Amino acid sequence: TAFSDGVVAVAITALVLPLLDIDVSSTSTMSGLWDQYGEQFAAFLLSFFVTAMFWAIHHKVFAVVRGVSPALLWTNMLWLLGIVLIPFGTVLLYSEHGVPVLGFKIYTGMMLFTSLLLGLMFYFITNKSELNDGTVVPQPMWYAQRFSMWWALVFGACLVDAAGIGNTLLDFSGLAMFALGAFRLPGMRAKANAMREAGIDVTLG
């Protein structure tokens, strides 16, 4: 967990590196600065928030881990591969020559890859008693993959119409992940309440 946290910290810090090339002397107003570099700032903010959401979810679910299987270990390593590629994908979201259609496709494809792996870890941890500390409610696979469902939608939209609906959905991706992270199935809430009544301090569910 500490290793994963460190990798995420490096990746989220690296997001700011392209902004160091911004030349503030090229304009004298904030509006002029935004007109010239707004796409870079927007891409940075989107990736920062999305990476923060990935980390918060990962941090929460790994807080209940008591054992690590080879499958969980290597799924986590592949997830970290997706995380470290986010700064690269962020640079692809802006261009001086119109909407970077290919960049949108690559970026959302990377996010789909990363969220699929996060969903697999969710499923492994919450459904295998040897991996968790007993304070979790089991999750069905489709629910564990709710973040990847969103990114599959955005990726598909970018394949069809990157400059239109794909761009619009991408703009709302951070808020969508926040909402999906807070969503709980009624059955999971009932199971969590039953566990609390039995004296179990439910951590995840």
N, C-alpha and C. Protein backbone atom coordinates (compact mmCIF):
# COMPACT_ATOMS: atom_id res chain seq x y z
N THR A 1 0.83 -1.20 0.00
CA THR A 1 0.00 0.00 0.00
C THR A 1 0.86 1.26 0.00
N ALA A 2 1.92 1.24 0.80
CA ALA A 2 2.82 2.40 0.84
C ALA A 2 3.49 2.61 -0.52
N PHE A 3 3.89 1.52 -1.15
CA PHE A 3 4.50 1.62 -2.48
C PHE A 3 3.51 2.21 -3.47
N SER A 4 2.26 1.74 -3.45
CA SER A 4 1.23 2.25 -4.36
C SER A 4 0.98 3.73 -4.11
N ASP A 5 0.90 4.11 -2.84
CA ASP A 5 0.69 5.52 -2.50
C ASP A 5 1.82 6.39 -3.04
N GLY A 6 3.04 5.88 -2.95
CA GLY A 6 4.18 6.63 -3.44
C GLY A 6 4.16 6.81 -4.95
N VAL A 7 3.77 5.75 -5.67
CA VAL A 7 3.69 5.84 -7.12
C VAL A 7 2.62 6.84 -7.53
N VAL A 8 1.46 6.80 -6.87
CA VAL A 8 0.39 7.74 -7.19
C VAL A 8 0.84 9.17 -6.89
N ALA A 9 1.56 9.36 -5.78
CA ALA A 9 2.03 10.70 -5.42
C ALA A 9 2.97 11.25 -6.49
N VAL A 10 3.85 10.41 -7.01
CA VAL A 10 4.76 10.86 -8.06
C VAL A 10 3.98 11.20 -9.33
N ALA A 11 3.02 10.35 -9.69
CA ALA A 11 2.23 10.56 -10.91
C ALA A 11 1.42 11.84 -10.83
N ILE A 12 0.78 12.08 -9.70
CA ILE A 12 -0.07 13.27 -9.58
C ILE A 12 0.78 14.54 -9.53
N THR A 13 2.00 14.43 -9.02
CA THR A 13 2.92 15.57 -9.03
C THR A 13 3.42 15.86 -10.43
N ALA A 14 3.65 14.79 -11.21
CA ALA A 14 4.16 14.95 -12.58
C ALA A 14 3.17 15.67 -13.48
N LEU A 15 1.89 15.71 -13.09
CA LEU A 15 0.90 16.39 -13.91
C LEU A 15 1.22 17.87 -14.11
N VAL A 16 1.91 18.46 -13.15
CA VAL A 16 2.17 19.90 -13.21
C VAL A 16 3.34 20.24 -14.13
N LEU A 17 4.16 19.26 -14.49
CA LEU A 17 5.39 19.54 -15.24
C LEU A 17 5.14 20.26 -16.57
N PRO A 18 4.13 19.86 -17.36
CA PRO A 18 3.91 20.60 -18.62
C PRO A 18 3.54 22.06 -18.39
N LEU A 19 2.96 22.37 -17.24
CA LEU A 19 2.57 23.76 -16.97
C LEU A 19 3.78 24.65 -16.72
N LEU A 20 4.93 24.05 -16.44
CA LEU A 20 6.13 24.85 -16.19
C LEU A 20 6.61 25.56 -17.46
N ASP A 21 6.14 25.11 -18.61
CA ASP A 21 6.55 25.74 -19.87
C ASP A 21 5.67 26.93 -20.25
N ILE A 22 4.65 27.22 -19.44
CA ILE A 22 3.76 28.34 -19.74
C ILE A 22 4.51 29.66 -19.58
N ASP A 23 4.38 30.50 -20.58
CA ASP A 23 5.06 31.79 -20.59
C ASP A 23 4.06 32.89 -20.21
N VAL A 24 4.09 33.33 -18.96
CA VAL A 24 3.13 34.34 -18.50
C VAL A 24 3.45 35.72 -19.08
N SER A 25 4.65 35.90 -19.63
CA SER A 25 5.00 37.21 -20.21
C SER A 25 4.34 37.44 -21.56
N SER A 26 3.70 36.40 -22.11
CA SER A 26 3.08 36.54 -23.42
C SER A 26 1.75 37.26 -23.37
N THR A 27 1.23 37.50 -22.16
CA THR A 27 -0.03 38.20 -22.00
C THR A 27 -0.01 38.97 -20.69
N SER A 28 -0.87 39.97 -20.58
CA SER A 28 -0.88 40.79 -19.36
C SER A 28 -2.17 40.63 -18.55
N THR A 29 -3.07 39.77 -18.99
CA THR A 29 -4.34 39.59 -18.29
C THR A 29 -4.60 38.11 -18.01
N MET A 30 -5.42 37.85 -16.99
CA MET A 30 -5.78 36.48 -16.66
C MET A 30 -6.62 35.85 -17.78
N SER A 31 -7.51 36.67 -18.35
CA SER A 31 -8.34 36.14 -19.43
C SER A 31 -7.49 35.79 -20.65
N GLY A 32 -6.47 36.61 -20.92
CA GLY A 32 -5.57 36.31 -22.02
C GLY A 32 -4.77 35.05 -21.77
N LEU A 33 -4.35 34.87 -20.51
CA LEU A 33 -3.61 33.66 -20.14
C LEU A 33 -4.47 32.43 -20.34
N TRP A 34 -5.75 32.55 -19.93
CA TRP A 34 -6.66 31.40 -20.08
C TRP A 34 -6.94 31.12 -21.56
N ASP A 35 -7.11 32.18 -22.35
CA ASP A 35 -7.35 32.00 -23.78
C ASP A 35 -6.21 31.25 -24.44
N GLN A 36 -5.00 31.53 -23.96
CA GLN A 36 -3.82 30.93 -24.58
C GLN A 36 -3.50 29.55 -24.04
N TYR A 37 -3.73 29.35 -22.74
CA TYR A 37 -3.33 28.10 -22.10
C TYR A 37 -4.47 27.38 -21.38
N GLY A 38 -5.69 27.78 -21.66
CA GLY A 38 -6.83 27.22 -20.95
C GLY A 38 -6.95 25.72 -21.09
N GLU A 39 -6.65 25.18 -22.27
CA GLU A 39 -6.74 23.74 -22.48
C GLU A 39 -5.76 22.98 -21.59
N GLN A 40 -4.56 23.54 -21.43
CA GLN A 40 -3.57 22.91 -20.56
C GLN A 40 -4.05 22.90 -19.10
N PHE A 41 -4.55 24.05 -18.65
CA PHE A 41 -5.04 24.12 -17.27
C PHE A 41 -6.22 23.16 -17.05
N ALA A 42 -7.14 23.11 -18.01
CA ALA A 42 -8.31 22.24 -17.88
C ALA A 42 -7.90 20.77 -17.85
N ALA A 43 -6.95 20.40 -18.71
CA ALA A 43 -6.48 19.02 -18.74
C ALA A 43 -5.80 18.65 -17.42
N PHE A 44 -5.00 19.59 -16.90
CA PHE A 44 -4.35 19.36 -15.60
C PHE A 44 -5.38 19.14 -14.49
N LEU A 45 -6.37 20.03 -14.41
CA LEU A 45 -7.38 19.92 -13.35
C LEU A 45 -8.18 18.63 -13.46
N LEU A 46 -8.55 18.26 -14.69
CA LEU A 46 -9.29 17.01 -14.88
C LEU A 46 -8.47 15.82 -14.40
N SER A 47 -7.22 15.72 -14.86
CA SER A 47 -6.40 14.57 -14.49
C SER A 47 -6.05 14.56 -13.01
N PHE A 48 -5.85 15.75 -12.43
CA PHE A 48 -5.57 15.82 -11.00
C PHE A 48 -6.74 15.26 -10.20
N PHE A 49 -7.95 15.68 -10.56
CA PHE A 49 -9.14 15.24 -9.81
C PHE A 49 -9.39 13.75 -10.03
N VAL A 50 -9.26 13.29 -11.27
CA VAL A 50 -9.49 11.87 -11.55
C VAL A 50 -8.45 11.00 -10.84
N THR A 51 -7.18 11.42 -10.88
CA THR A 51 -6.14 10.66 -10.19
C THR A 51 -6.39 10.65 -8.68
N ALA A 52 -6.82 11.78 -8.15
CA ALA A 52 -7.15 11.85 -6.72
C ALA A 52 -8.29 10.89 -6.38
N MET A 53 -9.29 10.79 -7.26
CA MET A 53 -10.39 9.86 -7.04
C MET A 53 -9.90 8.41 -7.07
N PHE A 54 -9.06 8.10 -8.05
CA PHE A 54 -8.49 6.75 -8.13
C PHE A 54 -7.75 6.42 -6.83
N TRP A 55 -6.95 7.37 -6.36
CA TRP A 55 -6.18 7.12 -5.15
C TRP A 55 -7.10 6.95 -3.93
N ALA A 56 -8.10 7.82 -3.80
CA ALA A 56 -9.00 7.75 -2.64
C ALA A 56 -9.72 6.41 -2.58
N ILE A 57 -10.16 5.93 -3.74
CA ILE A 57 -10.86 4.64 -3.80
C ILE A 57 -9.89 3.51 -3.45
N HIS A 58 -8.72 3.54 -4.06
CA HIS A 58 -7.70 2.52 -3.79
C HIS A 58 -7.31 2.53 -2.32
N HIS A 59 -7.10 3.70 -1.77
CA HIS A 59 -6.70 3.83 -0.36
C HIS A 59 -7.77 3.25 0.56
N LYS A 60 -9.03 3.52 0.26
CA LYS A 60 -10.12 3.04 1.10
C LYS A 60 -10.23 1.52 1.06
N VAL A 61 -10.17 0.95 -0.13
CA VAL A 61 -10.36 -0.50 -0.23
C VAL A 61 -9.15 -1.26 0.32
N PHE A 62 -7.95 -0.70 0.17
CA PHE A 62 -6.77 -1.40 0.68
C PHE A 62 -6.62 -1.26 2.20
N ALA A 63 -7.41 -0.39 2.80
CA ALA A 63 -7.37 -0.27 4.26
C ALA A 63 -7.91 -1.53 4.94
N VAL A 64 -8.69 -2.35 4.21
CA VAL A 64 -9.28 -3.54 4.81
C VAL A 64 -8.53 -4.81 4.41
N VAL A 65 -7.45 -4.67 3.63
CA VAL A 65 -6.71 -5.84 3.15
C VAL A 65 -5.86 -6.43 4.28
N ARG A 66 -5.97 -7.73 4.44
CA ARG A 66 -5.13 -8.41 5.44
C ARG A 66 -4.19 -9.43 4.81
N GLY A 67 -4.38 -9.70 3.54
CA GLY A 67 -3.52 -10.63 2.82
C GLY A 67 -3.50 -10.28 1.35
N VAL A 68 -2.42 -10.66 0.66
CA VAL A 68 -2.27 -10.33 -0.75
C VAL A 68 -1.99 -11.60 -1.54
N SER A 69 -2.84 -11.87 -2.52
CA SER A 69 -2.64 -13.02 -3.41
C SER A 69 -1.83 -12.56 -4.63
N PRO A 70 -1.23 -13.51 -5.36
CA PRO A 70 -0.51 -13.12 -6.59
C PRO A 70 -1.40 -12.37 -7.57
N ALA A 71 -2.65 -12.80 -7.69
CA ALA A 71 -3.58 -12.12 -8.61
C ALA A 71 -3.80 -10.67 -8.19
N LEU A 72 -3.99 -10.43 -6.90
CA LEU A 72 -4.20 -9.07 -6.42
C LEU A 72 -2.93 -8.24 -6.59
N LEU A 73 -1.79 -8.83 -6.30
CA LEU A 73 -0.52 -8.12 -6.42
C LEU A 73 -0.29 -7.62 -7.84
N TRP A 74 -0.47 -8.51 -8.83
CA TRP A 74 -0.16 -8.12 -10.20
C TRP A 74 -1.27 -7.29 -10.83
N THR A 75 -2.48 -7.45 -10.35
CA THR A 75 -3.54 -6.53 -10.79
C THR A 75 -3.23 -5.12 -10.31
N ASN A 76 -2.73 -5.02 -9.08
CA ASN A 76 -2.35 -3.71 -8.54
C ASN A 76 -1.18 -3.12 -9.32
N MET A 77 -0.22 -3.95 -9.71
CA MET A 77 0.93 -3.44 -10.47
C MET A 77 0.49 -2.92 -11.84
N LEU A 78 -0.43 -3.63 -12.49
CA LEU A 78 -0.94 -3.16 -13.77
C LEU A 78 -1.76 -1.88 -13.60
N TRP A 79 -2.48 -1.78 -12.47
CA TRP A 79 -3.21 -0.56 -12.17
C TRP A 79 -2.24 0.62 -12.03
N LEU A 80 -1.11 0.38 -11.39
CA LEU A 80 -0.11 1.44 -11.25
C LEU A 80 0.47 1.84 -12.60
N LEU A 81 0.55 0.88 -13.54
CA LEU A 81 0.98 1.22 -14.89
C LEU A 81 0.02 2.25 -15.50
N GLY A 82 -1.28 2.02 -15.32
CA GLY A 82 -2.25 3.00 -15.80
C GLY A 82 -2.10 4.35 -15.13
N ILE A 83 -1.82 4.34 -13.84
CA ILE A 83 -1.66 5.59 -13.09
C ILE A 83 -0.47 6.40 -13.58
N VAL A 84 0.67 5.74 -13.79
CA VAL A 84 1.87 6.48 -14.19
C VAL A 84 1.77 7.00 -15.63
N LEU A 85 0.84 6.44 -16.42
CA LEU A 85 0.65 6.91 -17.78
C LEU A 85 -0.29 8.11 -17.87
N ILE A 86 -0.97 8.44 -16.77
CA ILE A 86 -1.93 9.55 -16.80
C ILE A 86 -1.26 10.88 -17.16
N PRO A 87 -0.08 11.21 -16.62
CA PRO A 87 0.56 12.47 -17.05
C PRO A 87 0.82 12.51 -18.55
N PHE A 88 1.23 11.39 -19.13
CA PHE A 88 1.44 11.33 -20.58
C PHE A 88 0.12 11.56 -21.32
N GLY A 89 -0.94 10.88 -20.87
CA GLY A 89 -2.24 11.05 -21.51
C GLY A 89 -2.77 12.47 -21.40
N THR A 90 -2.45 13.13 -20.30
CA THR A 90 -2.93 14.50 -20.09
C THR A 90 -2.38 15.44 -21.14
N VAL A 91 -1.12 15.26 -21.51
CA VAL A 91 -0.51 16.11 -22.53
C VAL A 91 -1.22 15.94 -23.88
N LEU A 92 -1.80 14.77 -24.10
CA LEU A 92 -2.47 14.49 -25.37
C LEU A 92 -3.84 15.15 -25.48
N LEU A 93 -4.32 15.76 -24.38
CA LEU A 93 -5.66 16.34 -24.38
C LEU A 93 -5.72 17.75 -24.96
N TYR A 94 -4.58 18.33 -25.29
CA TYR A 94 -4.61 19.67 -25.86
C TYR A 94 -3.66 19.75 -27.06
N SER A 95 -4.02 20.62 -27.97
CA SER A 95 -3.26 20.76 -29.20
C SER A 95 -3.45 22.17 -29.76
N GLU A 96 -2.45 22.65 -30.48
CA GLU A 96 -2.55 23.96 -31.13
C GLU A 96 -3.29 23.88 -32.47
N HIS A 97 -3.66 22.67 -32.85
CA HIS A 97 -4.26 22.47 -34.17
C HIS A 97 -5.65 21.84 -34.06
N GLY A 98 -6.49 22.42 -33.21
CA GLY A 98 -7.85 21.92 -33.07
C GLY A 98 -7.98 20.83 -32.03
N VAL A 99 -9.12 20.14 -32.05
CA VAL A 99 -9.40 19.09 -31.07
C VAL A 99 -8.50 17.88 -31.33
N PRO A 100 -7.73 17.44 -30.32
CA PRO A 100 -6.84 16.29 -30.50
C PRO A 100 -7.63 14.98 -30.40
N VAL A 101 -8.28 14.60 -31.49
CA VAL A 101 -9.17 13.44 -31.50
C VAL A 101 -8.45 12.17 -31.04
N LEU A 102 -7.28 11.92 -31.60
CA LEU A 102 -6.52 10.72 -31.21
C LEU A 102 -6.13 10.79 -29.74
N GLY A 103 -5.77 11.98 -29.27
CA GLY A 103 -5.41 12.14 -27.86
C GLY A 103 -6.56 11.80 -26.94
N PHE A 104 -7.77 12.23 -27.31
CA PHE A 104 -8.95 11.90 -26.51
C PHE A 104 -9.16 10.39 -26.46
N LYS A 105 -8.97 9.72 -27.59
CA LYS A 105 -9.15 8.26 -27.64
C LYS A 105 -8.13 7.55 -26.77
N ILE A 106 -6.87 7.98 -26.87
CA ILE A 106 -5.82 7.34 -26.07
C ILE A 106 -6.05 7.59 -24.58
N TYR A 107 -6.37 8.82 -24.22
CA TYR A 107 -6.57 9.17 -22.81
C TYR A 107 -7.72 8.37 -22.20
N THR A 108 -8.88 8.37 -22.87
CA THR A 108 -10.03 7.66 -22.31
C THR A 108 -9.81 6.15 -22.32
N GLY A 109 -9.06 5.65 -23.31
CA GLY A 109 -8.72 4.22 -23.31
C GLY A 109 -7.84 3.86 -22.13
N MET A 110 -6.89 4.73 -21.80
CA MET A 110 -6.05 4.52 -20.63
C MET A 110 -6.87 4.54 -19.35
N MET A 111 -7.82 5.45 -19.26
CA MET A 111 -8.67 5.53 -18.07
C MET A 111 -9.56 4.29 -17.94
N LEU A 112 -10.04 3.79 -19.07
CA LEU A 112 -10.82 2.55 -19.05
C LEU A 112 -9.97 1.39 -18.54
N PHE A 113 -8.75 1.29 -19.04
CA PHE A 113 -7.81 0.25 -18.59
C PHE A 113 -7.58 0.34 -17.08
N THR A 114 -7.32 1.55 -16.59
CA THR A 114 -7.03 1.75 -15.17
C THR A 114 -8.24 1.45 -14.29
N SER A 115 -9.42 1.87 -14.72
CA SER A 115 -10.61 1.64 -13.91
C SER A 115 -11.04 0.17 -13.93
N LEU A 116 -10.80 -0.53 -15.04
CA LEU A 116 -11.09 -1.97 -15.09
C LEU A 116 -10.26 -2.72 -14.04
N LEU A 117 -8.99 -2.36 -13.94
CA LEU A 117 -8.12 -3.02 -12.97
C LEU A 117 -8.51 -2.66 -11.55
N LEU A 118 -8.92 -1.42 -11.32
CA LEU A 118 -9.39 -1.04 -9.99
C LEU A 118 -10.63 -1.84 -9.62
N GLY A 119 -11.53 -2.03 -10.57
CA GLY A 119 -12.72 -2.82 -10.32
C GLY A 119 -12.40 -4.27 -9.98
N LEU A 120 -11.41 -4.84 -10.66
CA LEU A 120 -11.00 -6.21 -10.35
C LEU A 120 -10.47 -6.31 -8.93
N MET A 121 -9.68 -5.32 -8.52
CA MET A 121 -9.18 -5.33 -7.14
C MET A 121 -10.31 -5.20 -6.14
N PHE A 122 -11.29 -4.34 -6.42
CA PHE A 122 -12.48 -4.23 -5.60
C PHE A 122 -13.11 -5.60 -5.40
N TYR A 123 -13.31 -6.28 -6.53
CA TYR A 123 -14.00 -7.58 -6.50
C TYR A 123 -13.19 -8.61 -5.71
N PHE A 124 -11.89 -8.72 -5.99
CA PHE A 124 -11.06 -9.67 -5.27
C PHE A 124 -11.12 -9.44 -3.76
N ILE A 125 -10.93 -8.20 -3.36
CA ILE A 125 -10.81 -7.88 -1.94
C ILE A 125 -12.12 -8.08 -1.20
N THR A 126 -13.22 -7.68 -1.79
CA THR A 126 -14.51 -7.75 -1.08
C THR A 126 -15.15 -9.12 -1.13
N ASN A 127 -14.70 -9.99 -2.02
CA ASN A 127 -15.36 -11.30 -2.16
C ASN A 127 -14.49 -12.47 -1.72
N LYS A 128 -13.25 -12.23 -1.38
CA LYS A 128 -12.38 -13.31 -0.93
C LYS A 128 -12.02 -13.06 0.53
N SER A 129 -12.55 -13.89 1.42
CA SER A 129 -12.40 -13.66 2.85
C SER A 129 -10.94 -13.70 3.30
N GLU A 130 -10.10 -14.43 2.55
CA GLU A 130 -8.69 -14.50 2.95
C GLU A 130 -7.95 -13.20 2.65
N LEU A 131 -8.56 -12.31 1.88
CA LEU A 131 -7.90 -11.05 1.53
C LEU A 131 -8.34 -9.87 2.39
N ASN A 132 -9.55 -9.95 2.99
CA ASN A 132 -10.05 -8.80 3.74
C ASN A 132 -10.17 -9.12 5.22
N ASP A 133 -10.41 -8.09 6.03
CA ASP A 133 -10.44 -8.23 7.48
C ASP A 133 -11.83 -8.52 8.04
N GLY A 134 -12.79 -8.80 7.15
CA GLY A 134 -14.13 -9.13 7.60
C GLY A 134 -15.05 -7.95 7.82
N THR A 135 -14.59 -6.75 7.51
CA THR A 135 -15.42 -5.56 7.71
C THR A 135 -15.94 -5.00 6.38
N VAL A 136 -16.06 -5.87 5.38
CA VAL A 136 -16.52 -5.44 4.07
C VAL A 136 -17.79 -6.19 3.67
N VAL A 137 -18.57 -5.55 2.82
CA VAL A 137 -19.75 -6.18 2.23
C VAL A 137 -19.37 -6.65 0.83
N PRO A 138 -19.61 -7.92 0.50
CA PRO A 138 -19.27 -8.41 -0.84
C PRO A 138 -19.94 -7.57 -1.94
N GLN A 139 -19.22 -7.40 -3.03
CA GLN A 139 -19.73 -6.61 -4.15
C GLN A 139 -19.84 -7.48 -5.40
N PRO A 140 -20.96 -7.38 -6.12
CA PRO A 140 -21.04 -8.08 -7.42
C PRO A 140 -20.06 -7.46 -8.40
N MET A 141 -19.65 -8.24 -9.39
CA MET A 141 -18.65 -7.76 -10.34
C MET A 141 -19.10 -6.50 -11.06
N TRP A 142 -20.36 -6.45 -11.48
CA TRP A 142 -20.81 -5.28 -12.25
C TRP A 142 -20.75 -4.02 -11.41
N TYR A 143 -21.02 -4.16 -10.10
CA TYR A 143 -20.97 -2.98 -9.24
C TYR A 143 -19.52 -2.56 -8.99
N ALA A 144 -18.64 -3.54 -8.82
CA ALA A 144 -17.22 -3.23 -8.63
C ALA A 144 -16.65 -2.52 -9.87
N GLN A 145 -17.26 -2.77 -11.02
CA GLN A 145 -16.78 -2.17 -12.27
C GLN A 145 -17.57 -0.92 -12.68
N ARG A 146 -18.25 -0.28 -11.72
CA ARG A 146 -19.08 0.87 -12.10
C ARG A 146 -18.26 2.04 -12.66
N PHE A 147 -17.01 2.20 -12.20
CA PHE A 147 -16.18 3.28 -12.74
C PHE A 147 -15.76 2.97 -14.18
N SER A 148 -15.45 1.70 -14.45
CA SER A 148 -15.06 1.34 -15.82
C SER A 148 -16.25 1.44 -16.76
N MET A 149 -17.47 1.25 -16.25
CA MET A 149 -18.65 1.44 -17.10
C MET A 149 -18.72 2.87 -17.60
N TRP A 150 -18.43 3.82 -16.71
CA TRP A 150 -18.43 5.22 -17.13
C TRP A 150 -17.36 5.47 -18.19
N TRP A 151 -16.15 4.98 -17.92
CA TRP A 151 -15.06 5.24 -18.86
C TRP A 151 -15.26 4.50 -20.17
N ALA A 152 -15.95 3.35 -20.14
CA ALA A 152 -16.28 2.68 -21.39
C ALA A 152 -17.23 3.54 -22.22
N LEU A 153 -18.18 4.21 -21.53
CA LEU A 153 -19.09 5.12 -22.21
C LEU A 153 -18.34 6.29 -22.84
N VAL A 154 -17.42 6.88 -22.07
CA VAL A 154 -16.66 8.03 -22.58
C VAL A 154 -15.74 7.60 -23.73
N PHE A 155 -15.10 6.46 -23.57
CA PHE A 155 -14.21 5.94 -24.62
C PHE A 155 -14.99 5.68 -25.90
N GLY A 156 -16.16 5.06 -25.77
CA GLY A 156 -16.99 4.80 -26.94
C GLY A 156 -17.43 6.09 -27.61
N ALA A 157 -17.78 7.08 -26.80
CA ALA A 157 -18.20 8.37 -27.35
C ALA A 157 -17.05 9.04 -28.09
N CYS A 158 -15.83 8.91 -27.57
CA CYS A 158 -14.68 9.51 -28.24
C CYS A 158 -14.35 8.79 -29.55
N LEU A 159 -14.61 7.50 -29.60
CA LEU A 159 -14.40 6.77 -30.85
C LEU A 159 -15.37 7.24 -31.93
N VAL A 160 -16.60 7.58 -31.50
CA VAL A 160 -17.64 7.99 -32.45
C VAL A 160 -17.57 9.48 -32.77
N ASP A 161 -17.43 10.30 -31.71
CA ASP A 161 -17.49 11.76 -31.89
C ASP A 161 -16.67 12.43 -30.79
N ALA A 162 -15.36 12.40 -30.95
CA ALA A 162 -14.46 12.90 -29.90
C ALA A 162 -14.65 14.39 -29.66
N ALA A 163 -14.87 15.15 -30.71
CA ALA A 163 -14.96 16.60 -30.57
C ALA A 163 -16.31 17.05 -30.02
N GLY A 164 -17.30 16.16 -30.05
CA GLY A 164 -18.64 16.52 -29.59
C GLY A 164 -18.99 15.89 -28.27
N ILE A 165 -19.76 14.79 -28.33
CA ILE A 165 -20.25 14.15 -27.11
C ILE A 165 -19.10 13.58 -26.28
N GLY A 166 -18.05 13.11 -26.94
CA GLY A 166 -16.90 12.58 -26.20
C GLY A 166 -16.25 13.63 -25.34
N ASN A 167 -16.04 14.81 -25.90
CA ASN A 167 -15.44 15.93 -25.17
C ASN A 167 -16.33 16.35 -24.00
N THR A 168 -17.65 16.39 -24.24
CA THR A 168 -18.58 16.78 -23.19
C THR A 168 -18.56 15.80 -22.02
N LEU A 169 -18.62 14.50 -22.33
CA LEU A 169 -18.59 13.50 -21.27
C LEU A 169 -17.27 13.53 -20.52
N LEU A 170 -16.18 13.76 -21.24
CA LEU A 170 -14.87 13.83 -20.60
C LEU A 170 -14.82 14.95 -19.57
N ASP A 171 -15.44 16.08 -19.89
CA ASP A 171 -15.45 17.22 -18.98
C ASP A 171 -16.13 16.88 -17.65
N PHE A 172 -17.09 15.97 -17.69
CA PHE A 172 -17.85 15.62 -16.48
C PHE A 172 -17.33 14.35 -15.80
N SER A 173 -16.21 13.84 -16.25
CA SER A 173 -15.73 12.56 -15.74
C SER A 173 -15.37 12.59 -14.26
N GLY A 174 -14.76 13.69 -13.82
CA GLY A 174 -14.40 13.79 -12.40
C GLY A 174 -15.63 13.76 -11.52
N LEU A 175 -16.65 14.51 -11.87
CA LEU A 175 -17.90 14.54 -11.09
C LEU A 175 -18.60 13.19 -11.16
N ALA A 176 -18.56 12.55 -12.32
CA ALA A 176 -19.20 11.24 -12.46
C ALA A 176 -18.53 10.22 -11.55
N MET A 177 -17.21 10.23 -11.48
CA MET A 177 -16.51 9.30 -10.60
C MET A 177 -16.83 9.57 -9.13
N PHE A 178 -16.95 10.84 -8.78
CA PHE A 178 -17.30 11.20 -7.40
C PHE A 178 -18.68 10.65 -7.05
N ALA A 179 -19.64 10.82 -7.96
CA ALA A 179 -21.00 10.34 -7.72
C ALA A 179 -21.04 8.81 -7.65
N LEU A 180 -20.33 8.15 -8.55
CA LEU A 180 -20.31 6.69 -8.54
C LEU A 180 -19.63 6.15 -7.29
N GLY A 181 -18.63 6.86 -6.80
CA GLY A 181 -17.94 6.43 -5.58
C GLY A 181 -18.84 6.49 -4.36
N ALA A 182 -19.80 7.41 -4.36
CA ALA A 182 -20.71 7.56 -3.22
C ALA A 182 -21.92 6.65 -3.33
N PHE A 183 -22.16 6.08 -4.51
CA PHE A 183 -23.35 5.26 -4.73
C PHE A 183 -23.23 3.90 -4.04
N ARG A 184 -24.30 3.48 -3.33
CA ARG A 184 -24.35 2.18 -2.69
C ARG A 184 -25.63 1.46 -3.09
N LEU A 185 -25.54 0.19 -3.38
CA LEU A 185 -26.72 -0.61 -3.68
C LEU A 185 -27.57 -0.76 -2.42
N PRO A 186 -28.90 -0.75 -2.56
CA PRO A 186 -29.77 -0.95 -1.38
C PRO A 186 -29.44 -2.23 -0.64
N GLY A 187 -29.17 -3.30 -1.37
CA GLY A 187 -28.84 -4.57 -0.73
C GLY A 187 -27.55 -4.49 0.07
N MET A 188 -26.58 -3.72 -0.44
CA MET A 188 -25.32 -3.56 0.28
C MET A 188 -25.52 -2.75 1.55
N ARG A 189 -26.38 -1.72 1.47
CA ARG A 189 -26.66 -0.93 2.67
C ARG A 189 -27.35 -1.78 3.74
N ALA A 190 -28.28 -2.64 3.31
CA ALA A 190 -28.98 -3.51 4.25
C ALA A 190 -28.01 -4.50 4.89
N LYS A 191 -27.11 -5.07 4.09
CA LYS A 191 -26.12 -6.00 4.60
C LYS A 191 -25.18 -5.30 5.59
N ALA A 192 -24.77 -4.07 5.26
CA ALA A 192 -23.89 -3.31 6.14
C ALA A 192 -24.58 -3.03 7.47
N ASN A 193 -25.86 -2.67 7.43
CA ASN A 193 -26.61 -2.39 8.67
C ASN A 193 -26.73 -3.65 9.51
N ALA A 194 -26.96 -4.79 8.87
CA ALA A 194 -27.06 -6.06 9.60
C ALA A 194 -25.73 -6.40 10.27
N MET A 195 -24.63 -6.14 9.58
CA MET A 195 -23.31 -6.40 10.14
C MET A 195 -23.05 -5.49 11.33
N ARG A 196 -23.47 -4.25 11.24
CA ARG A 196 -23.28 -3.30 12.36
C ARG A 196 -24.10 -3.75 13.58
N GLU A 197 -25.31 -4.22 13.32
CA GLU A 197 -26.15 -4.70 14.43
C GLU A 197 -25.53 -5.92 15.09
N ALA A 198 -24.75 -6.66 14.31
CA ALA A 198 -24.08 -7.84 14.87
C ALA A 198 -22.77 -7.48 15.55
N GLY A 199 -22.46 -6.19 15.60
CA GLY A 199 -21.25 -5.73 16.30
C GLY A 199 -20.03 -5.64 15.44
N ILE A 200 -20.20 -5.71 14.12
CA ILE A 200 -19.07 -5.63 13.20
C ILE A 200 -18.94 -4.20 12.72
N ASP A 201 -17.77 -3.62 12.88
CA ASP A 201 -17.53 -2.23 12.45
C ASP A 201 -17.25 -2.22 10.96
N VAL A 202 -18.30 -2.01 10.17
CA VAL A 202 -18.17 -2.11 8.72
C VAL A 202 -17.32 -0.95 8.19
N THR A 203 -16.26 -1.31 7.46
CA THR A 203 -15.36 -0.32 6.89
C THR A 203 -15.73 0.00 5.46
N LEU A 204 -16.13 -1.00 4.71
CA LEU A 204 -16.40 -0.83 3.28
C LEU A 204 -17.71 -1.52 2.95
N GLY A 205 -18.70 -0.70 2.49
CA GLY A 205 -19.99 -1.28 2.13
C GLY A 205 -21.10 -0.44 2.35
